[in-house]
Amino acid sequence: MTPTITSQISFDLKQVPTDLYIAGKWRPGASARRIDVLDPSTGLVISDVADATVEDALDAVQAAYDAGPAWAETPPRKRSEILRRCFELMVERKDMLAELISLENGKALSDAYGEVTYAAEFFRWFSEEAVRLNGEISTAPSGANKIVVQHQPIGVAVLVTPWNFPAAMATRKIAPALAAGCTCVLKPATETPLTAYALAALYAEAGVPDGVVNVITTERSGAVVSKMLHDPRVRKLSFTGSTEVGRKLLHEAADTVISCSMELGGNAPFIVFDDADLDAAIEGAMVAKMRNGGEACTAANRFYVQTGIVEAFSQKLTERMAALTVGAGYSKSTQCGPVINRKALDRIGGLVTDATERGGKVLTGGTALDQDGFYFPPTVIRDVPADAAIANEEIFGPIAALSTFESEDEVIAAANNTEYGLIAYVFTRDLGRGLRVSERLEAGMIGLNRGLASDPAAPFGGVKQSGLGREGAHHGILEFCETKYIAVTW
């Protein structure tokens, strides 16, 4: 195969590894099959990667298992220094990594740079947490013994990541796993595997020992992941993806009672009260909606705007969305790149059609662009009814769906009327109202007068069917630990 490579990329794509990374070695899959990788900006094939079999996956598990004892016994300071070096190398190579992300994902280059910075920060944060995994000592209330509590590495972890943040979703799992003393097998999405392989080479250069991080790509995700989860050597699953797939994996993990961390789907409400700072709300809306072109689990999905401010908000949001430059992700002038593939493009178009058939009014955009690549323009739809699919499904695209509300109680009831509960956004000048509403919203995270809440130092995760566990903060490293209690008398 001869890949079609855009002239706008400054590095040689052939330098990026495309084989499986197992036990510190690059190797083809046992079947010799390959998986095409597309550039969403053109729809053309740019590379291909190895297609792992079940046997390849079990080899990766074996490699992680074999490397486990030595890595767990590595002094925390040494693990910390290796993680810190991963951070430094990512920062040094931010240009290449950002272009690679944009090339295989389609996101605007500015978003790709933001992702590299965010992804690298997990290595810096958890390099600091690695040396602060403290236990506890206390006296039993009866006085009979001392209570000693330790946090030990849980063991081999299977990490499954999505395509929308190919660097950050991997480092958000790998960094705490390694900091805790665990080894892992990463299965990235087949849409965006190149970033994962480029980073695997970087980890090795930073000093991560062979077998500590293994990376496999496969088109048979269900069978491959299932086999790994039923292997007694695997003790942890960390998954980011859809709620539908998350449910299936929880069923699989139940067979061997594997510890699970799940970051699943979202349906984020973005609530704007009449007393909100309009300019701040618009800026927040543009970040919450258009970061990564709307292809984010944290993206604002349902805009609820109080009736007194809805006209002004709708007008300004429409102006801002209509003014965005749509184009190839890696073009420096692009502000909104393509969506990931044809399936996503068709799905988004269907959501818009359903909303308009139910009474929604398109203020800008609304129709896929007729050109090569997978482009849907930034879109604003007004008066979206509660029964529209776009109000009940994760959009994962550049579409803002607006509805109105009258009272605080009304909007809280509407915002909570979903199986999801990942994040919510609230804009109001009344701090008391903001905190009161934040407490009543059923979400794991709240952006109060902010359109961006994600931070490696903060616990990321949702409630209800948006997930289990937390990533980031000190909570993130504890997800990869077993807590051991020792009763002792001295």
Protein backbone atom coordinates (compact mmCIF):
# COMPACT_ATOMS: atom_id res chain seq x y z
CA MET A 1 0.00 0.00 0.00
CA THR A 2 1.25 3.50 -0.82
CA PRO A 3 -0.31 5.97 1.62
CA THR A 4 -1.49 9.34 0.40
CA ILE A 5 0.21 11.79 2.73
CA THR A 6 -0.70 15.46 2.87
CA SER A 7 2.03 17.94 2.04
CA GLN A 8 0.92 20.05 5.00
CA ILE A 9 2.45 17.61 7.51
CA SER A 10 6.03 18.50 8.49
CA PHE A 11 7.20 15.03 9.56
CA ASP A 12 7.64 11.73 7.74
CA LEU A 13 4.63 9.56 8.54
CA LYS A 14 6.64 6.46 7.64
CA GLN A 15 8.68 7.01 10.81
CA VAL A 16 5.63 6.28 12.98
CA PRO A 17 5.54 2.57 14.03
CA THR A 18 2.57 0.59 12.78
CA ASP A 19 3.17 -2.88 14.24
CA LEU A 20 2.08 -4.30 17.58
CA TYR A 21 4.23 -3.28 20.55
CA ILE A 22 4.65 -6.29 22.86
CA ALA A 23 7.40 -6.89 25.44
CA GLY A 24 9.39 -3.96 24.09
CA LYS A 25 9.42 -5.30 20.52
CA TRP A 26 7.61 -4.24 17.36
CA ARG A 27 6.01 -7.17 15.58
CA PRO A 28 3.28 -7.85 13.03
CA GLY A 29 0.09 -9.56 14.08
CA ALA A 30 -0.04 -13.35 13.94
CA SER A 31 -2.57 -13.18 11.11
CA ALA A 32 -0.56 -10.64 9.05
CA ARG A 33 -3.80 -8.72 8.46
CA ARG A 34 -3.66 -4.91 8.43
CA ILE A 35 -6.12 -2.14 9.33
CA ASP A 36 -6.41 0.94 7.12
CA VAL A 37 -6.13 4.35 8.79
CA LEU A 38 -7.97 7.23 7.14
CA ASP A 39 -7.44 10.98 7.11
CA PRO A 40 -10.92 12.35 7.91
CA SER A 41 -10.01 15.62 6.20
CA THR A 42 -9.79 13.86 2.82
CA GLY A 43 -11.33 10.44 3.36
CA LEU A 44 -8.14 8.86 1.98
CA VAL A 45 -6.07 6.03 3.43
CA ILE A 46 -2.82 7.35 4.93
CA SER A 47 -1.39 4.26 6.62
CA ASP A 48 -2.22 0.84 7.99
CA VAL A 49 -1.49 -0.93 11.27
CA ALA A 50 -1.25 -4.51 12.47
CA ASP A 51 -4.48 -6.33 13.28
CA ALA A 52 -3.95 -8.29 16.50
CA THR A 53 -5.40 -11.73 17.07
CA VAL A 54 -6.51 -13.20 20.39
CA GLU A 55 -3.13 -14.93 20.55
CA ASP A 56 -1.33 -11.60 20.14
CA ALA A 57 -3.42 -10.14 22.95
CA LEU A 58 -2.54 -13.00 25.27
CA ASP A 59 1.13 -12.49 24.42
CA ALA A 60 0.73 -8.87 25.48
CA VAL A 61 -0.90 -9.95 28.75
CA GLN A 62 1.97 -12.38 29.34
CA ALA A 63 4.50 -9.63 28.70
CA ALA A 64 2.76 -7.31 31.15
CA TYR A 65 2.51 -10.10 33.71
CA ASP A 66 6.19 -10.99 33.39
CA ALA A 67 7.25 -7.34 33.76
CA GLY A 68 4.93 -6.78 36.73
CA PRO A 69 7.04 -7.86 39.74
CA ALA A 70 10.13 -5.86 38.76
CA TRP A 71 8.10 -2.74 37.95
CA ALA A 72 6.14 -2.98 41.22
CA GLU A 73 9.43 -3.24 43.12
CA THR A 74 10.97 -0.28 41.29
CA PRO A 75 11.40 2.55 43.81
CA PRO A 76 8.65 5.18 43.52
CA ARG A 77 11.23 7.87 42.86
CA LYS A 78 12.58 5.94 39.88
CA ARG A 79 9.09 5.42 38.47
CA SER A 80 8.47 9.12 39.05
CA GLU A 81 11.55 10.14 37.09
CA ILE A 82 10.58 7.94 34.14
CA LEU A 83 7.09 9.45 34.06
CA ARG A 84 8.57 12.92 34.26
CA ARG A 85 10.76 12.09 31.26
CA CYS A 86 7.66 10.98 29.33
CA PHE A 87 6.19 14.41 30.04
CA GLU A 88 9.32 16.18 28.87
CA LEU A 89 9.56 14.21 25.64
CA MET A 90 5.91 14.87 24.81
CA VAL A 91 6.44 18.59 25.29
CA GLU A 92 9.61 18.52 23.17
CA ARG A 93 7.74 16.77 20.35
CA LYS A 94 4.47 18.62 20.60
CA ASP A 95 4.56 19.76 16.97
CA MET A 96 4.87 16.27 15.54
CA LEU A 97 2.33 14.80 17.97
CA ALA A 98 -0.21 17.56 17.31
CA GLU A 99 0.07 17.11 13.55
CA LEU A 100 -0.25 13.34 13.88
CA ILE A 101 -3.36 13.66 16.04
CA SER A 102 -4.90 16.10 13.59
CA LEU A 103 -4.00 13.89 10.64
CA GLU A 104 -5.69 10.71 11.87
CA ASN A 105 -8.44 12.31 13.98
CA GLY A 106 -9.36 15.38 11.91
CA LYS A 107 -9.48 17.83 14.80
CA ALA A 108 -8.29 21.38 14.26
CA LEU A 109 -4.56 21.79 14.83
CA SER A 110 -5.20 24.22 17.69
CA ASP A 111 -7.28 21.55 19.44
CA ALA A 112 -4.57 18.97 18.75
CA TYR A 113 -1.94 21.17 20.42
CA GLY A 114 -4.27 21.55 23.38
CA GLU A 115 -4.63 17.79 23.59
CA VAL A 116 -0.87 17.21 23.57
CA THR A 117 -0.44 19.67 26.44
CA TYR A 118 -3.29 18.06 28.36
CA ALA A 119 -2.05 14.53 27.67
CA ALA A 120 1.52 15.31 28.70
CA GLU A 121 0.34 16.87 31.94
CA PHE A 122 -0.94 13.49 33.17
CA PHE A 123 2.65 12.25 33.16
CA ARG A 124 3.84 15.27 35.13
CA TRP A 125 0.96 15.03 37.62
CA PHE A 126 1.31 11.31 38.25
CA SER A 127 5.09 11.54 38.39
CA GLU A 128 4.42 13.60 41.51
CA GLU A 129 1.71 11.27 42.80
CA ALA A 130 3.97 8.21 42.45
CA VAL A 131 6.00 9.28 45.48
CA ARG A 132 2.95 10.24 47.54
CA LEU A 133 1.05 6.97 47.64
CA ASN A 134 0.92 7.04 51.42
CA GLY A 135 -0.66 4.46 53.70
CA GLU A 136 -2.14 4.84 57.17
CA ILE A 137 -1.41 3.73 60.71
CA SER A 138 -4.00 3.97 63.46
CA THR A 139 -5.05 2.23 66.66
CA ALA A 140 -8.11 0.01 66.74
CA PRO A 141 -10.82 1.54 68.97
CA SER A 142 -10.54 -1.45 71.30
CA GLY A 143 -6.83 -0.86 71.69
CA ALA A 144 -6.17 -4.51 70.81
CA ASN A 145 -3.97 -3.83 67.78
CA LYS A 146 -2.66 -1.32 65.30
CA ILE A 147 -4.32 -0.86 61.91
CA VAL A 148 -1.80 -0.61 59.09
CA VAL A 149 -3.12 0.23 55.62
CA GLN A 150 -1.07 -0.05 52.44
CA HIS A 151 -1.85 0.70 48.80
CA GLN A 152 -0.34 -1.92 46.50
CA PRO A 153 -0.41 -2.15 42.68
CA ILE A 154 -3.48 -4.03 41.50
CA GLY A 155 -1.61 -5.89 38.75
CA VAL A 156 -1.99 -6.19 34.98
CA ALA A 157 -4.40 -3.56 33.62
CA VAL A 158 -6.23 -3.65 30.29
CA LEU A 159 -6.77 -0.12 28.99
CA VAL A 160 -9.31 0.54 26.23
CA THR A 161 -9.39 4.03 24.73
CA PRO A 162 -11.53 5.88 22.14
CA TRP A 163 -10.59 7.82 19.00
CA ASN A 164 -11.60 11.34 20.02
CA PHE A 165 -8.56 12.06 22.23
CA PRO A 166 -6.00 9.51 21.03
CA ALA A 167 -3.19 10.86 23.23
CA ALA A 168 -4.97 12.13 26.33
CA MET A 169 -7.27 9.16 26.86
CA ALA A 170 -4.21 6.89 26.81
CA THR A 171 -1.96 8.93 29.09
CA ARG A 172 -4.81 9.53 31.54
CA LYS A 173 -4.77 5.76 32.14
CA ILE A 174 -1.13 4.80 31.52
CA ALA A 175 0.36 7.46 33.79
CA PRO A 176 -1.53 6.47 36.99
CA ALA A 177 -1.14 2.77 36.22
CA LEU A 178 2.63 3.12 35.97
CA ALA A 179 2.80 5.47 38.94
CA ALA A 180 1.02 2.86 41.07
CA GLY A 181 3.42 0.13 39.93
CA CYS A 182 1.09 -1.62 37.47
CA THR A 183 1.85 -2.90 33.98
CA CYS A 184 -0.66 -2.63 31.15
CA VAL A 185 -1.98 -3.56 27.74
CA LEU A 186 -3.42 -0.63 25.78
CA LYS A 187 -5.97 -1.22 23.04
CA PRO A 188 -6.52 2.09 21.24
CA ALA A 189 -9.32 2.73 18.74
CA THR A 190 -8.60 1.55 15.20
CA GLU A 191 -9.60 4.97 13.83
CA THR A 192 -6.64 6.64 15.57
CA PRO A 193 -3.93 4.07 16.33
CA LEU A 194 -0.89 5.98 15.07
CA THR A 195 -0.73 8.33 18.04
CA ALA A 196 -0.73 5.39 20.45
CA TYR A 197 2.16 3.73 18.62
CA ALA A 198 4.15 6.97 18.38
CA LEU A 199 3.75 7.41 22.13
CA ALA A 200 4.76 3.81 22.81
CA ALA A 201 8.10 4.52 21.14
CA LEU A 202 8.40 7.65 23.25
CA TYR A 203 7.77 5.72 26.49
CA ALA A 204 10.57 3.30 25.64
CA GLU A 205 12.91 6.22 25.00
CA ALA A 206 11.93 7.70 28.36
CA GLY A 207 13.03 4.52 30.12
CA VAL A 208 9.81 2.54 30.56
CA PRO A 209 11.03 -1.08 30.76
CA ASP A 210 10.05 -3.67 28.19
CA GLY A 211 6.65 -5.21 28.87
CA VAL A 212 5.44 -2.49 31.22
CA VAL A 213 3.37 -0.87 28.45
CA ASN A 214 2.12 -2.99 25.54
CA VAL A 215 0.01 -1.65 22.66
CA ILE A 216 -2.18 -3.71 20.33
CA THR A 217 -4.69 -2.73 17.66
CA THR A 218 -7.43 -5.03 16.46
CA GLU A 219 -10.61 -5.05 14.40
CA ARG A 220 -11.95 -7.85 16.60
CA SER A 221 -12.20 -5.74 19.74
CA GLY A 222 -14.99 -7.74 21.33
CA ALA A 223 -13.28 -11.11 21.12
CA VAL A 224 -9.82 -9.77 21.96
CA VAL A 225 -10.86 -7.74 25.00
CA SER A 226 -13.14 -10.54 26.23
CA LYS A 227 -10.27 -13.01 26.11
CA MET A 228 -8.03 -10.68 28.09
CA LEU A 229 -10.73 -10.03 30.69
CA HIS A 230 -11.16 -13.77 31.20
CA ASP A 231 -7.43 -14.25 31.74
CA PRO A 232 -6.72 -14.64 35.48
CA ARG A 233 -3.53 -12.60 35.11
CA VAL A 234 -5.58 -9.48 34.35
CA ARG A 235 -6.91 -7.65 37.40
CA LYS A 236 -7.99 -4.23 36.11
CA LEU A 237 -10.04 -2.78 33.26
CA SER A 238 -10.07 0.94 32.52
CA PHE A 239 -12.38 1.85 29.66
CA THR A 240 -13.37 5.10 27.99
CA GLY A 241 -16.13 4.89 25.41
CA SER A 242 -19.85 4.57 24.94
CA THR A 243 -22.24 3.52 27.67
CA GLU A 244 -23.51 0.73 25.43
CA VAL A 245 -20.07 -0.87 25.13
CA GLY A 246 -19.32 -0.13 28.77
CA ARG A 247 -22.32 -2.18 29.87
CA LYS A 248 -21.10 -5.14 27.81
CA LEU A 249 -17.60 -4.91 29.28
CA LEU A 250 -18.98 -4.81 32.82
CA HIS A 251 -20.79 -8.06 32.08
CA GLU A 252 -17.55 -9.56 30.78
CA ALA A 253 -15.53 -8.33 33.76
CA ALA A 254 -18.05 -9.76 36.20
CA ASP A 255 -17.07 -13.31 35.25
CA THR A 256 -13.67 -12.91 36.88
CA VAL A 257 -14.59 -10.02 39.25
CA ILE A 258 -12.14 -7.58 37.69
CA SER A 259 -11.92 -4.07 39.10
CA CYS A 260 -13.44 -1.65 36.57
CA SER A 261 -13.07 2.05 35.91
CA MET A 262 -15.55 3.32 33.35
CA GLU A 263 -15.70 6.74 31.71
CA LEU A 264 -18.80 6.45 29.56
CA GLY A 265 -21.18 8.62 27.57
CA GLY A 266 -22.50 12.06 28.40
CA ASN A 267 -25.45 14.30 27.64
CA ALA A 268 -24.20 17.53 29.17
CA PRO A 269 -26.70 20.29 29.91
CA PHE A 270 -25.49 23.88 29.45
CA ILE A 271 -27.72 26.13 31.54
CA VAL A 272 -27.81 29.90 31.04
CA PHE A 273 -29.84 31.98 33.49
CA ASP A 274 -31.18 35.45 32.68
CA ASP A 275 -28.66 37.06 35.02
CA ALA A 276 -25.65 35.41 33.36
CA ASP A 277 -22.83 37.49 31.91
CA LEU A 278 -23.81 37.07 28.25
CA ASP A 279 -20.30 37.44 26.85
CA ALA A 280 -18.91 34.95 29.37
CA ALA A 281 -21.73 32.51 28.60
CA ILE A 282 -21.03 32.74 24.86
CA GLU A 283 -17.31 32.19 25.38
CA GLY A 284 -18.09 29.26 27.65
CA ALA A 285 -20.52 27.84 25.11
CA MET A 286 -17.95 27.98 22.33
CA VAL A 287 -15.42 26.10 24.45
CA ALA A 288 -17.88 23.57 25.88
CA LYS A 289 -19.49 22.90 22.50
CA MET A 290 -16.68 23.29 19.99
CA ARG A 291 -13.64 21.88 21.79
CA ASN A 292 -12.54 19.01 19.56
CA GLY A 293 -15.32 19.98 17.15
CA GLY A 294 -17.93 18.74 19.60
CA GLU A 295 -16.51 15.20 19.53
CA ALA A 296 -16.03 14.97 23.28
CA CYS A 297 -17.91 13.27 26.09
CA THR A 298 -17.76 16.58 27.95
CA ALA A 299 -19.24 18.57 25.05
CA ALA A 300 -22.30 20.67 25.82
CA ASN A 301 -25.16 18.62 24.38
CA ARG A 302 -28.35 20.37 25.49
CA PHE A 303 -28.46 24.17 25.80
CA TYR A 304 -31.13 25.41 28.21
CA VAL A 305 -31.44 29.20 28.00
CA GLN A 306 -33.82 31.18 30.21
CA THR A 307 -36.47 33.06 28.25
CA GLY A 308 -35.25 36.54 29.17
CA ILE A 309 -31.84 36.05 27.57
CA VAL A 310 -32.58 33.50 24.86
CA GLU A 311 -32.88 35.97 21.96
CA ALA A 312 -29.55 37.65 22.67
CA PHE A 313 -27.82 34.35 23.40
CA SER A 314 -29.15 32.68 20.25
CA GLN A 315 -28.10 35.58 18.05
CA LYS A 316 -24.58 35.81 19.44
CA LEU A 317 -24.02 32.06 19.44
CA THR A 318 -25.22 31.82 15.85
CA GLU A 319 -22.86 34.61 14.78
CA ARG A 320 -19.90 32.94 16.46
CA MET A 321 -20.67 29.47 15.10
CA ALA A 322 -21.28 30.74 11.56
CA ALA A 323 -17.96 32.61 11.57
CA LEU A 324 -15.84 29.50 12.29
CA THR A 325 -13.54 28.41 9.47
CA VAL A 326 -14.18 24.81 8.43
CA GLY A 327 -11.37 22.89 6.78
CA ALA A 328 -8.71 20.21 7.01
CA GLY A 329 -7.71 19.70 10.61
CA TYR A 330 -4.00 20.21 9.98
CA SER A 331 -4.51 23.52 8.16
CA LYS A 332 -3.43 26.33 10.48
CA SER A 333 -6.44 28.44 9.49
CA THR A 334 -8.99 25.74 10.43
CA GLN A 335 -11.18 26.29 13.48
CA CYS A 336 -13.49 23.31 12.93
CA GLY A 337 -12.22 20.15 11.26
CA PRO A 338 -14.13 17.15 9.93
CA VAL A 339 -15.88 14.54 12.05
CA ILE A 340 -14.18 11.17 12.36
CA ASN A 341 -15.79 9.19 9.52
CA ARG A 342 -18.73 8.76 7.16
CA LYS A 343 -20.81 6.90 9.73
CA ALA A 344 -20.52 9.80 12.17
CA LEU A 345 -21.37 12.29 9.44
CA ASP A 346 -24.53 10.43 8.48
CA ARG A 347 -25.57 10.02 12.11
CA ILE A 348 -25.21 13.75 12.81
CA GLY A 349 -27.23 14.59 9.72
CA GLY A 350 -29.97 12.27 10.93
CA LEU A 351 -30.10 13.99 14.31
CA VAL A 352 -30.54 17.38 12.67
CA THR A 353 -33.26 16.09 10.35
CA ASP A 354 -35.14 14.56 13.27
CA ALA A 355 -34.93 17.80 15.27
CA THR A 356 -36.24 19.95 12.41
CA GLU A 357 -39.07 17.53 11.67
CA ARG A 358 -40.13 17.92 15.29
CA GLY A 359 -40.18 21.72 15.12
CA GLY A 360 -36.58 22.79 15.63
CA LYS A 361 -35.35 25.76 13.59
CA VAL A 362 -31.85 25.76 12.05
CA LEU A 363 -30.19 29.16 12.57
CA THR A 364 -26.92 28.27 10.85
CA GLY A 365 -25.42 25.18 9.24
CA GLY A 366 -27.58 22.10 9.28
CA THR A 367 -26.36 20.17 6.20
CA ALA A 368 -23.20 18.16 5.56
CA LEU A 369 -20.76 19.84 3.17
CA ASP A 370 -20.54 18.34 -0.30
CA GLN A 371 -16.78 17.80 -0.58
CA ASP A 372 -14.10 15.22 0.09
CA GLY A 373 -13.70 14.35 3.75
CA PHE A 374 -16.32 14.20 6.47
CA TYR A 375 -17.42 17.78 7.10
CA PHE A 376 -20.47 19.03 8.97
CA PRO A 377 -20.57 22.80 9.52
CA PRO A 378 -21.04 24.37 12.96
CA THR A 379 -24.79 24.30 13.49
CA VAL A 380 -27.28 26.00 15.82
CA ILE A 381 -30.83 24.69 16.18
CA ARG A 382 -33.42 26.69 18.13
CA ASP A 383 -36.57 25.44 19.90
CA VAL A 384 -35.48 21.80 20.08
CA PRO A 385 -38.27 19.74 21.68
CA ALA A 386 -37.52 17.43 24.60
CA ASP A 387 -38.46 14.32 22.59
CA ALA A 388 -35.99 15.01 19.77
CA ALA A 389 -33.21 12.42 19.46
CA ILE A 390 -30.62 15.19 19.59
CA ALA A 391 -31.79 16.06 23.12
CA ASN A 392 -31.48 12.48 24.31
CA GLU A 393 -28.39 11.13 22.55
CA GLU A 394 -24.76 12.15 22.68
CA ILE A 395 -24.31 14.32 19.58
CA PHE A 396 -20.53 14.06 19.14
CA GLY A 397 -20.45 16.80 16.55
CA PRO A 398 -20.52 20.61 16.08
CA ILE A 399 -24.23 21.09 16.78
CA ALA A 400 -25.72 23.31 19.48
CA ALA A 401 -29.33 22.38 20.29
CA LEU A 402 -31.19 25.16 22.13
CA SER A 403 -34.30 25.01 24.30
CA THR A 404 -35.79 27.53 26.71
CA PHE A 405 -36.89 27.39 30.34
CA GLU A 406 -38.66 29.61 32.85
CA SER A 407 -37.73 28.50 36.36
CA GLU A 408 -34.84 26.99 38.27
CA ASP A 409 -36.82 23.91 39.25
CA GLU A 410 -37.93 23.38 35.65
CA VAL A 411 -34.43 23.42 34.21
CA ILE A 412 -32.99 21.18 36.92
CA ALA A 413 -35.70 18.61 36.24
CA ALA A 414 -35.01 18.78 32.50
CA ALA A 415 -31.24 18.60 32.94
CA ASN A 416 -31.50 15.54 35.20
CA ASN A 417 -33.97 13.77 32.91
CA THR A 418 -31.34 11.53 31.34
CA GLU A 419 -29.53 8.29 32.10
CA TYR A 420 -26.25 10.17 31.81
CA GLY A 421 -24.48 12.28 34.41
CA LEU A 422 -20.94 13.14 33.35
CA ILE A 423 -20.75 16.94 33.37
CA ALA A 424 -23.01 19.99 33.40
CA TYR A 425 -22.42 23.69 32.83
CA VAL A 426 -24.13 26.55 34.67
CA PHE A 427 -23.88 30.28 33.96
CA THR A 428 -25.24 32.84 36.41
CA ARG A 429 -23.95 35.93 38.22
CA ASP A 430 -25.67 34.74 41.42
CA LEU A 431 -23.08 32.61 43.20
CA GLY A 432 -25.67 31.24 45.64
CA ARG A 433 -27.86 30.10 42.77
CA GLY A 434 -24.87 28.66 40.94
CA LEU A 435 -23.79 26.54 43.89
CA ARG A 436 -27.37 25.54 44.73
CA VAL A 437 -28.05 24.39 41.17
CA SER A 438 -24.67 22.64 40.99
CA GLU A 439 -25.51 20.59 44.06
CA ARG A 440 -28.87 19.55 42.62
CA LEU A 441 -27.59 18.55 39.20
CA GLU A 442 -26.93 14.84 38.79
CA ALA A 443 -23.44 15.03 37.33
CA GLY A 444 -19.96 14.07 38.43
CA MET A 445 -18.51 17.40 37.33
CA ILE A 446 -19.83 20.95 37.04
CA GLY A 447 -18.44 23.87 35.08
CA LEU A 448 -19.74 26.90 36.99
CA ASN A 449 -19.31 29.96 34.78
CA ARG A 450 -16.67 27.95 32.91
CA GLY A 451 -16.82 26.07 29.63
CA LEU A 452 -13.85 23.87 30.48
CA ALA A 453 -13.54 21.77 33.64
CA SER A 454 -11.10 18.98 32.75
CA ASP A 455 -7.82 19.09 34.67
CA PRO A 456 -5.31 16.32 35.50
CA ALA A 457 -5.33 17.53 39.10
CA ALA A 458 -9.12 17.13 39.41
CA PRO A 459 -11.19 13.92 39.68
CA PHE A 460 -12.76 13.25 36.27
CA GLY A 461 -15.80 10.97 36.09
CA GLY A 462 -19.56 10.71 36.08
CA VAL A 463 -22.58 9.35 37.89
CA LYS A 464 -25.50 7.19 36.76
CA GLN A 465 -24.69 5.55 33.42
CA SER A 466 -21.81 7.92 32.69
CA GLY A 467 -19.35 5.76 34.51
CA LEU A 468 -17.65 4.29 37.56
CA GLY A 469 -14.55 5.57 39.33
CA ARG A 470 -12.47 8.66 38.73
CA GLU A 471 -9.46 9.58 36.62
CA GLY A 472 -6.98 12.30 37.48
CA ALA A 473 -6.21 13.81 40.90
CA HIS A 474 -5.06 11.46 43.68
CA HIS A 475 -8.20 9.43 42.99
CA GLY A 476 -6.73 8.34 39.66
CA ILE A 477 -3.77 6.47 41.12
CA LEU A 478 -5.97 4.75 43.71
CA GLU A 479 -7.99 3.20 40.85
CA PHE A 480 -4.90 1.08 40.13
CA CYS A 481 -4.30 0.04 43.73
CA GLU A 482 -5.52 -2.65 46.09
CA THR A 483 -5.91 -1.50 49.68
CA LYS A 484 -4.37 -3.97 52.13
CA TYR A 485 -5.07 -3.93 55.88
CA ILE A 486 -2.56 -5.47 58.31
CA ALA A 487 -3.58 -6.03 61.93
CA VAL A 488 -0.46 -5.94 64.13
CA THR A 489 0.45 -5.50 67.76
CA TRP A 490 3.69 -4.00 68.99
